[in-house]
Amino acid sequence: MMNQLTNLNWVSVLAAFAAYFVLGALWFTLLFAKQYKISLGKANEELNNKAPIFILGPALCSLVITVANAVLFSALNISTFNESLEFSFIVGFGFLVANTMNIAINPNIPRPIHYGIISGAYHLAGIFMVNTILVAMK
């Protein structure tokens, strides 16, 4: 599969990554900021989310997810929007949402289901967006 790296449209990968990363910034700091803080048990607190790790970490994770997704896209020869939607559903729920929920079930997260829904929904929306960009720019 690693030979698929040479087949990727890196412009589409970078565009999809940028969109995914920006969606995350908007999701957690604007669209669902209050719900996110509630899920962490910090409803009335200011989150310390301006440190470099809280920006660079999610950026790197979004890039890895996008590249891995693009490799699978290429290996599976996904070329239509319908195939992209099916693939997004499988990867979105099968890996991203399931793994996010698994991480959320942690004694340090006071509202794990709430956290899992907020973060899992972000990854699901993000992967649909990534795959739409990848197929549109193929």
N, C-alpha and C. Protein backbone atom coordinates (compact mmCIF):
# COMPACT_ATOMS: atom_id res chain seq x y z
N MET A 1 0.81 -1.20 0.00
CA MET A 1 0.00 0.00 0.00
C MET A 1 0.85 1.26 0.00
N MET A 2 2.03 1.19 0.59
CA MET A 2 2.85 2.41 0.68
C MET A 2 3.24 2.93 -0.69
N ASN A 3 3.22 2.06 -1.71
CA ASN A 3 3.51 2.55 -3.06
C ASN A 3 2.42 3.50 -3.56
N GLN A 4 1.28 3.54 -2.88
CA GLN A 4 0.21 4.46 -3.26
C GLN A 4 0.59 5.91 -2.98
N LEU A 5 1.58 6.14 -2.12
CA LEU A 5 2.00 7.51 -1.81
C LEU A 5 2.43 8.26 -3.07
N THR A 6 3.01 7.55 -4.02
CA THR A 6 3.45 8.20 -5.26
C THR A 6 2.27 8.52 -6.18
N ASN A 7 1.13 7.87 -5.96
CA ASN A 7 -0.04 8.08 -6.80
C ASN A 7 -0.96 9.20 -6.30
N LEU A 8 -0.66 9.74 -5.12
CA LEU A 8 -1.56 10.72 -4.52
C LEU A 8 -1.47 12.07 -5.21
N ASN A 9 -2.61 12.74 -5.27
CA ASN A 9 -2.66 14.13 -5.69
C ASN A 9 -2.39 14.95 -4.42
N TRP A 10 -1.14 15.36 -4.23
CA TRP A 10 -0.75 16.00 -2.98
C TRP A 10 -1.41 17.35 -2.80
N VAL A 11 -1.80 18.00 -3.88
CA VAL A 11 -2.54 19.27 -3.75
C VAL A 11 -3.89 18.99 -3.09
N SER A 12 -4.56 17.93 -3.52
CA SER A 12 -5.86 17.59 -2.91
C SER A 12 -5.68 17.15 -1.47
N VAL A 13 -4.60 16.43 -1.18
CA VAL A 13 -4.33 15.99 0.19
C VAL A 13 -4.12 17.20 1.09
N LEU A 14 -3.33 18.16 0.64
CA LEU A 14 -3.08 19.37 1.43
C LEU A 14 -4.34 20.21 1.59
N ALA A 15 -5.15 20.30 0.53
CA ALA A 15 -6.41 21.04 0.63
C ALA A 15 -7.36 20.37 1.62
N ALA A 16 -7.45 19.03 1.56
CA ALA A 16 -8.32 18.29 2.46
C ALA A 16 -7.83 18.41 3.90
N PHE A 17 -6.51 18.32 4.11
CA PHE A 17 -5.93 18.49 5.44
C PHE A 17 -6.25 19.87 6.00
N ALA A 18 -6.05 20.90 5.19
CA ALA A 18 -6.31 22.27 5.65
C ALA A 18 -7.77 22.44 6.06
N ALA A 19 -8.67 21.90 5.26
CA ALA A 19 -10.10 22.00 5.57
C ALA A 19 -10.43 21.26 6.87
N TYR A 20 -9.87 20.09 7.05
CA TYR A 20 -10.09 19.27 8.25
C TYR A 20 -9.57 20.00 9.50
N PHE A 21 -8.38 20.56 9.38
CA PHE A 21 -7.78 21.27 10.50
C PHE A 21 -8.58 22.53 10.86
N VAL A 22 -8.98 23.29 9.86
CA VAL A 22 -9.77 24.50 10.12
C VAL A 22 -11.13 24.12 10.72
N LEU A 23 -11.73 23.04 10.22
CA LEU A 23 -13.00 22.59 10.80
C LEU A 23 -12.81 22.30 12.29
N GLY A 24 -11.72 21.65 12.66
CA GLY A 24 -11.46 21.36 14.07
C GLY A 24 -11.34 22.62 14.90
N ALA A 25 -10.62 23.59 14.37
CA ALA A 25 -10.47 24.85 15.10
C ALA A 25 -11.83 25.51 15.32
N LEU A 26 -12.63 25.54 14.28
CA LEU A 26 -13.97 26.14 14.40
C LEU A 26 -14.88 25.32 15.30
N TRP A 27 -14.81 24.01 15.18
CA TRP A 27 -15.68 23.09 15.93
C TRP A 27 -15.50 23.26 17.44
N PHE A 28 -14.23 23.25 17.87
CA PHE A 28 -13.95 23.24 19.31
C PHE A 28 -13.82 24.62 19.94
N THR A 29 -13.62 25.66 19.13
CA THR A 29 -13.46 27.00 19.71
C THR A 29 -14.62 27.93 19.42
N LEU A 30 -15.49 27.55 18.48
CA LEU A 30 -16.59 28.43 18.11
C LEU A 30 -17.94 27.70 18.10
N LEU A 31 -18.06 26.71 17.24
CA LEU A 31 -19.35 26.04 17.05
C LEU A 31 -19.82 25.27 18.28
N PHE A 32 -18.93 24.50 18.90
CA PHE A 32 -19.31 23.65 20.03
C PHE A 32 -18.43 23.89 21.24
N ALA A 33 -17.90 25.09 21.38
CA ALA A 33 -16.98 25.39 22.48
C ALA A 33 -17.62 25.14 23.84
N LYS A 34 -18.84 25.60 24.02
CA LYS A 34 -19.52 25.43 25.32
C LYS A 34 -19.77 23.95 25.62
N GLN A 35 -20.29 23.23 24.65
CA GLN A 35 -20.57 21.81 24.84
C GLN A 35 -19.28 21.02 25.08
N TYR A 36 -18.23 21.40 24.38
CA TYR A 36 -16.93 20.74 24.58
C TYR A 36 -16.44 20.95 26.01
N LYS A 37 -16.53 22.18 26.51
CA LYS A 37 -16.10 22.45 27.89
C LYS A 37 -16.97 21.69 28.90
N ILE A 38 -18.26 21.60 28.64
CA ILE A 38 -19.15 20.83 29.53
C ILE A 38 -18.73 19.36 29.54
N SER A 39 -18.41 18.82 28.37
CA SER A 39 -18.02 17.40 28.30
C SER A 39 -16.74 17.12 29.07
N LEU A 40 -15.91 18.14 29.22
CA LEU A 40 -14.66 18.00 29.97
C LEU A 40 -14.81 18.34 31.44
N GLY A 41 -16.04 18.74 31.83
CA GLY A 41 -16.27 19.13 33.22
C GLY A 41 -15.68 20.48 33.55
N LYS A 42 -15.54 21.33 32.54
CA LYS A 42 -14.93 22.65 32.73
C LYS A 42 -15.82 23.74 32.15
N ALA A 43 -17.11 23.61 32.41
CA ALA A 43 -18.09 24.52 31.81
C ALA A 43 -17.81 25.99 32.11
N ASN A 44 -17.34 26.28 33.29
CA ASN A 44 -17.13 27.68 33.70
C ASN A 44 -15.67 28.08 33.74
N GLU A 45 -14.83 27.31 33.07
CA GLU A 45 -13.40 27.59 33.08
C GLU A 45 -12.92 27.98 31.69
N GLU A 46 -11.81 28.66 31.67
CA GLU A 46 -11.14 28.97 30.42
C GLU A 46 -10.19 27.82 30.12
N LEU A 47 -10.29 27.25 28.93
CA LEU A 47 -9.40 26.15 28.57
C LEU A 47 -8.04 26.69 28.16
N ASN A 48 -7.02 26.01 28.57
CA ASN A 48 -5.67 26.38 28.19
C ASN A 48 -5.35 25.69 26.86
N ASN A 49 -5.97 26.17 25.78
CA ASN A 49 -5.83 25.51 24.49
C ASN A 49 -5.01 26.33 23.49
N LYS A 50 -4.21 27.25 24.00
CA LYS A 50 -3.40 28.08 23.11
C LYS A 50 -1.93 27.67 23.10
N ALA A 51 -1.56 26.71 23.90
CA ALA A 51 -0.19 26.21 23.90
C ALA A 51 0.08 25.50 22.57
N PRO A 52 1.32 25.51 22.09
CA PRO A 52 1.63 24.91 20.79
C PRO A 52 1.16 23.46 20.63
N ILE A 53 1.22 22.65 21.70
CA ILE A 53 0.80 21.26 21.57
C ILE A 53 -0.68 21.14 21.18
N PHE A 54 -1.50 22.09 21.61
CA PHE A 54 -2.93 22.04 21.33
C PHE A 54 -3.26 22.55 19.93
N ILE A 55 -2.26 23.05 19.23
CA ILE A 55 -2.44 23.48 17.85
C ILE A 55 -1.68 22.52 16.92
N LEU A 56 -0.43 22.28 17.23
CA LEU A 56 0.39 21.41 16.38
C LEU A 56 -0.01 19.94 16.47
N GLY A 57 -0.41 19.49 17.66
CA GLY A 57 -0.83 18.10 17.83
C GLY A 57 -2.02 17.74 16.97
N PRO A 58 -3.13 18.50 17.07
CA PRO A 58 -4.27 18.21 16.20
C PRO A 58 -3.95 18.38 14.71
N ALA A 59 -3.07 19.34 14.38
CA ALA A 59 -2.69 19.51 12.98
C ALA A 59 -1.99 18.26 12.46
N LEU A 60 -1.03 17.76 13.23
CA LEU A 60 -0.31 16.56 12.82
C LEU A 60 -1.25 15.36 12.72
N CYS A 61 -2.14 15.21 13.70
CA CYS A 61 -3.11 14.10 13.66
C CYS A 61 -4.02 14.21 12.44
N SER A 62 -4.49 15.40 12.15
CA SER A 62 -5.36 15.61 10.98
C SER A 62 -4.61 15.29 9.69
N LEU A 63 -3.34 15.65 9.64
CA LEU A 63 -2.53 15.35 8.45
C LEU A 63 -2.35 13.84 8.29
N VAL A 64 -2.03 13.15 9.37
CA VAL A 64 -1.85 11.69 9.30
C VAL A 64 -3.15 11.01 8.87
N ILE A 65 -4.27 11.42 9.45
CA ILE A 65 -5.56 10.84 9.08
C ILE A 65 -5.85 11.09 7.60
N THR A 66 -5.57 12.31 7.15
CA THR A 66 -5.85 12.66 5.75
C THR A 66 -4.97 11.86 4.80
N VAL A 67 -3.68 11.74 5.09
CA VAL A 67 -2.77 10.97 4.22
C VAL A 67 -3.16 9.50 4.21
N ALA A 68 -3.41 8.92 5.38
CA ALA A 68 -3.83 7.50 5.44
C ALA A 68 -5.11 7.28 4.65
N ASN A 69 -6.03 8.20 4.78
CA ASN A 69 -7.28 8.12 4.06
C ASN A 69 -7.04 8.20 2.55
N ALA A 70 -6.18 9.11 2.12
CA ALA A 70 -5.87 9.27 0.70
C ALA A 70 -5.20 8.02 0.14
N VAL A 71 -4.34 7.39 0.94
CA VAL A 71 -3.69 6.14 0.50
C VAL A 71 -4.75 5.07 0.27
N LEU A 72 -5.67 4.92 1.21
CA LEU A 72 -6.75 3.93 1.04
C LEU A 72 -7.64 4.29 -0.15
N PHE A 73 -7.90 5.57 -0.31
CA PHE A 73 -8.70 6.05 -1.44
C PHE A 73 -8.06 5.60 -2.76
N SER A 74 -6.75 5.80 -2.85
CA SER A 74 -6.03 5.44 -4.06
C SER A 74 -5.99 3.92 -4.25
N ALA A 75 -5.67 3.20 -3.19
CA ALA A 75 -5.57 1.73 -3.28
C ALA A 75 -6.90 1.10 -3.65
N LEU A 76 -7.98 1.68 -3.17
CA LEU A 76 -9.31 1.14 -3.46
C LEU A 76 -9.92 1.73 -4.72
N ASN A 77 -9.19 2.64 -5.35
CA ASN A 77 -9.61 3.29 -6.59
C ASN A 77 -10.99 3.94 -6.45
N ILE A 78 -11.17 4.68 -5.40
CA ILE A 78 -12.43 5.39 -5.17
C ILE A 78 -12.45 6.62 -6.06
N SER A 79 -13.49 6.73 -6.90
CA SER A 79 -13.49 7.81 -7.88
C SER A 79 -14.82 8.53 -8.02
N THR A 80 -15.86 8.07 -7.32
CA THR A 80 -17.16 8.74 -7.43
C THR A 80 -17.59 9.26 -6.07
N PHE A 81 -18.50 10.22 -6.10
CA PHE A 81 -19.00 10.76 -4.83
C PHE A 81 -19.74 9.70 -4.02
N ASN A 82 -20.47 8.81 -4.67
CA ASN A 82 -21.17 7.74 -3.94
C ASN A 82 -20.18 6.80 -3.25
N GLU A 83 -19.12 6.42 -3.97
CA GLU A 83 -18.10 5.57 -3.35
C GLU A 83 -17.43 6.31 -2.19
N SER A 84 -17.22 7.60 -2.38
CA SER A 84 -16.62 8.42 -1.33
C SER A 84 -17.50 8.48 -0.09
N LEU A 85 -18.80 8.61 -0.28
CA LEU A 85 -19.73 8.64 0.86
C LEU A 85 -19.74 7.30 1.59
N GLU A 86 -19.77 6.21 0.85
CA GLU A 86 -19.74 4.89 1.48
C GLU A 86 -18.45 4.70 2.27
N PHE A 87 -17.33 5.07 1.66
CA PHE A 87 -16.04 4.94 2.32
C PHE A 87 -15.98 5.82 3.56
N SER A 88 -16.50 7.04 3.46
CA SER A 88 -16.52 7.97 4.60
C SER A 88 -17.31 7.38 5.75
N PHE A 89 -18.43 6.77 5.44
CA PHE A 89 -19.27 6.16 6.46
C PHE A 89 -18.51 5.03 7.17
N ILE A 90 -17.86 4.18 6.40
CA ILE A 90 -17.13 3.04 6.97
C ILE A 90 -15.95 3.52 7.82
N VAL A 91 -15.13 4.39 7.26
CA VAL A 91 -13.96 4.89 8.00
C VAL A 91 -14.40 5.79 9.15
N GLY A 92 -15.39 6.64 8.88
CA GLY A 92 -15.85 7.58 9.90
C GLY A 92 -16.38 6.89 11.14
N PHE A 93 -17.31 5.97 10.94
CA PHE A 93 -17.87 5.26 12.10
C PHE A 93 -16.97 4.12 12.56
N GLY A 94 -16.41 3.39 11.61
CA GLY A 94 -15.63 2.19 11.95
C GLY A 94 -14.32 2.47 12.64
N PHE A 95 -13.72 3.61 12.36
CA PHE A 95 -12.44 3.92 12.98
C PHE A 95 -12.50 5.19 13.82
N LEU A 96 -12.88 6.30 13.21
CA LEU A 96 -12.77 7.59 13.89
C LEU A 96 -13.75 7.74 15.05
N VAL A 97 -15.03 7.51 14.81
CA VAL A 97 -16.01 7.66 15.89
C VAL A 97 -15.80 6.57 16.94
N ALA A 98 -15.60 5.34 16.51
CA ALA A 98 -15.41 4.24 17.47
C ALA A 98 -14.17 4.48 18.34
N ASN A 99 -13.08 4.91 17.73
CA ASN A 99 -11.86 5.16 18.50
C ASN A 99 -12.03 6.36 19.43
N THR A 100 -12.70 7.39 18.96
CA THR A 100 -12.95 8.56 19.81
C THR A 100 -13.79 8.18 21.02
N MET A 101 -14.81 7.37 20.82
CA MET A 101 -15.65 6.93 21.95
C MET A 101 -14.83 6.07 22.91
N ASN A 102 -13.96 5.23 22.37
CA ASN A 102 -13.12 4.39 23.21
C ASN A 102 -12.18 5.25 24.06
N ILE A 103 -11.60 6.28 23.47
CA ILE A 103 -10.72 7.18 24.21
C ILE A 103 -11.52 7.94 25.27
N ALA A 104 -12.74 8.32 24.93
CA ALA A 104 -13.58 9.10 25.86
C ALA A 104 -13.94 8.30 27.11
N ILE A 105 -14.04 6.99 26.97
CA ILE A 105 -14.42 6.17 28.12
C ILE A 105 -13.18 6.03 29.00
N ASN A 106 -13.01 7.03 29.80
CA ASN A 106 -11.80 7.23 30.58
C ASN A 106 -12.22 7.88 31.89
N PRO A 107 -11.71 7.43 33.00
CA PRO A 107 -12.14 8.01 34.28
C PRO A 107 -11.80 9.50 34.42
N ASN A 108 -10.92 10.02 33.58
CA ASN A 108 -10.55 11.44 33.65
C ASN A 108 -11.48 12.34 32.84
N ILE A 109 -12.37 11.75 32.08
CA ILE A 109 -13.33 12.54 31.31
C ILE A 109 -14.68 12.38 32.00
N PRO A 110 -15.17 13.44 32.62
CA PRO A 110 -16.38 13.33 33.45
C PRO A 110 -17.66 13.00 32.68
N ARG A 111 -17.74 13.37 31.44
CA ARG A 111 -18.94 13.08 30.64
C ARG A 111 -18.49 12.40 29.34
N PRO A 112 -18.10 11.13 29.42
CA PRO A 112 -17.49 10.46 28.27
C PRO A 112 -18.38 10.35 27.04
N ILE A 113 -19.66 10.07 27.24
CA ILE A 113 -20.55 9.95 26.08
C ILE A 113 -20.71 11.31 25.40
N HIS A 114 -20.89 12.35 26.19
CA HIS A 114 -21.00 13.71 25.67
C HIS A 114 -19.72 14.08 24.89
N TYR A 115 -18.59 13.83 25.50
CA TYR A 115 -17.30 14.10 24.84
C TYR A 115 -17.18 13.30 23.55
N GLY A 116 -17.51 12.02 23.61
CA GLY A 116 -17.43 11.15 22.43
C GLY A 116 -18.31 11.62 21.30
N ILE A 117 -19.50 12.08 21.64
CA ILE A 117 -20.41 12.57 20.60
C ILE A 117 -19.86 13.84 19.96
N ILE A 118 -19.39 14.78 20.77
CA ILE A 118 -18.87 16.04 20.23
C ILE A 118 -17.62 15.79 19.38
N SER A 119 -16.67 15.06 19.91
CA SER A 119 -15.43 14.82 19.19
C SER A 119 -15.62 13.83 18.04
N GLY A 120 -16.42 12.81 18.27
CA GLY A 120 -16.69 11.84 17.20
C GLY A 120 -17.42 12.47 16.03
N ALA A 121 -18.37 13.35 16.32
CA ALA A 121 -19.10 14.04 15.26
C ALA A 121 -18.15 14.93 14.45
N TYR A 122 -17.20 15.55 15.13
CA TYR A 122 -16.20 16.36 14.41
C TYR A 122 -15.44 15.48 13.43
N HIS A 123 -14.94 14.34 13.89
CA HIS A 123 -14.17 13.47 13.00
C HIS A 123 -15.03 12.91 11.87
N LEU A 124 -16.27 12.61 12.16
CA LEU A 124 -17.16 12.11 11.11
C LEU A 124 -17.39 13.19 10.06
N ALA A 125 -17.72 14.40 10.49
CA ALA A 125 -17.90 15.51 9.55
C ALA A 125 -16.60 15.78 8.80
N GLY A 126 -15.49 15.73 9.52
CA GLY A 126 -14.19 15.98 8.89
C GLY A 126 -13.85 14.98 7.82
N ILE A 127 -14.10 13.69 8.08
CA ILE A 127 -13.72 12.68 7.09
C ILE A 127 -14.64 12.74 5.87
N PHE A 128 -15.90 13.09 6.07
CA PHE A 128 -16.78 13.30 4.91
C PHE A 128 -16.25 14.47 4.08
N MET A 129 -15.81 15.54 4.73
CA MET A 129 -15.28 16.69 4.02
C MET A 129 -13.97 16.33 3.31
N VAL A 130 -13.07 15.64 4.00
CA VAL A 130 -11.80 15.22 3.39
C VAL A 130 -12.07 14.39 2.15
N ASN A 131 -12.94 13.41 2.26
CA ASN A 131 -13.18 12.51 1.12
C ASN A 131 -13.89 13.22 -0.02
N THR A 132 -14.74 14.16 0.29
CA THR A 132 -15.40 14.95 -0.76
C THR A 132 -14.35 15.76 -1.53
N ILE A 133 -13.42 16.36 -0.82
CA ILE A 133 -12.35 17.12 -1.46
C ILE A 133 -11.47 16.19 -2.31
N LEU A 134 -11.10 15.04 -1.75
CA LEU A 134 -10.23 14.11 -2.48
C LEU A 134 -10.88 13.63 -3.77
N VAL A 135 -12.16 13.31 -3.73
CA VAL A 135 -12.81 12.81 -4.95
C VAL A 135 -13.07 13.96 -5.93
N ALA A 136 -13.35 15.14 -5.43
CA ALA A 136 -13.60 16.29 -6.31
C ALA A 136 -12.33 16.71 -7.05
N MET A 137 -11.18 16.54 -6.41
CA MET A 137 -9.92 16.97 -7.01
C MET A 137 -9.15 15.82 -7.67
N LYS A 138 -9.78 14.68 -7.78
CA LYS A 138 -9.10 13.51 -8.36
C LYS A 138 -8.84 13.71 -9.83
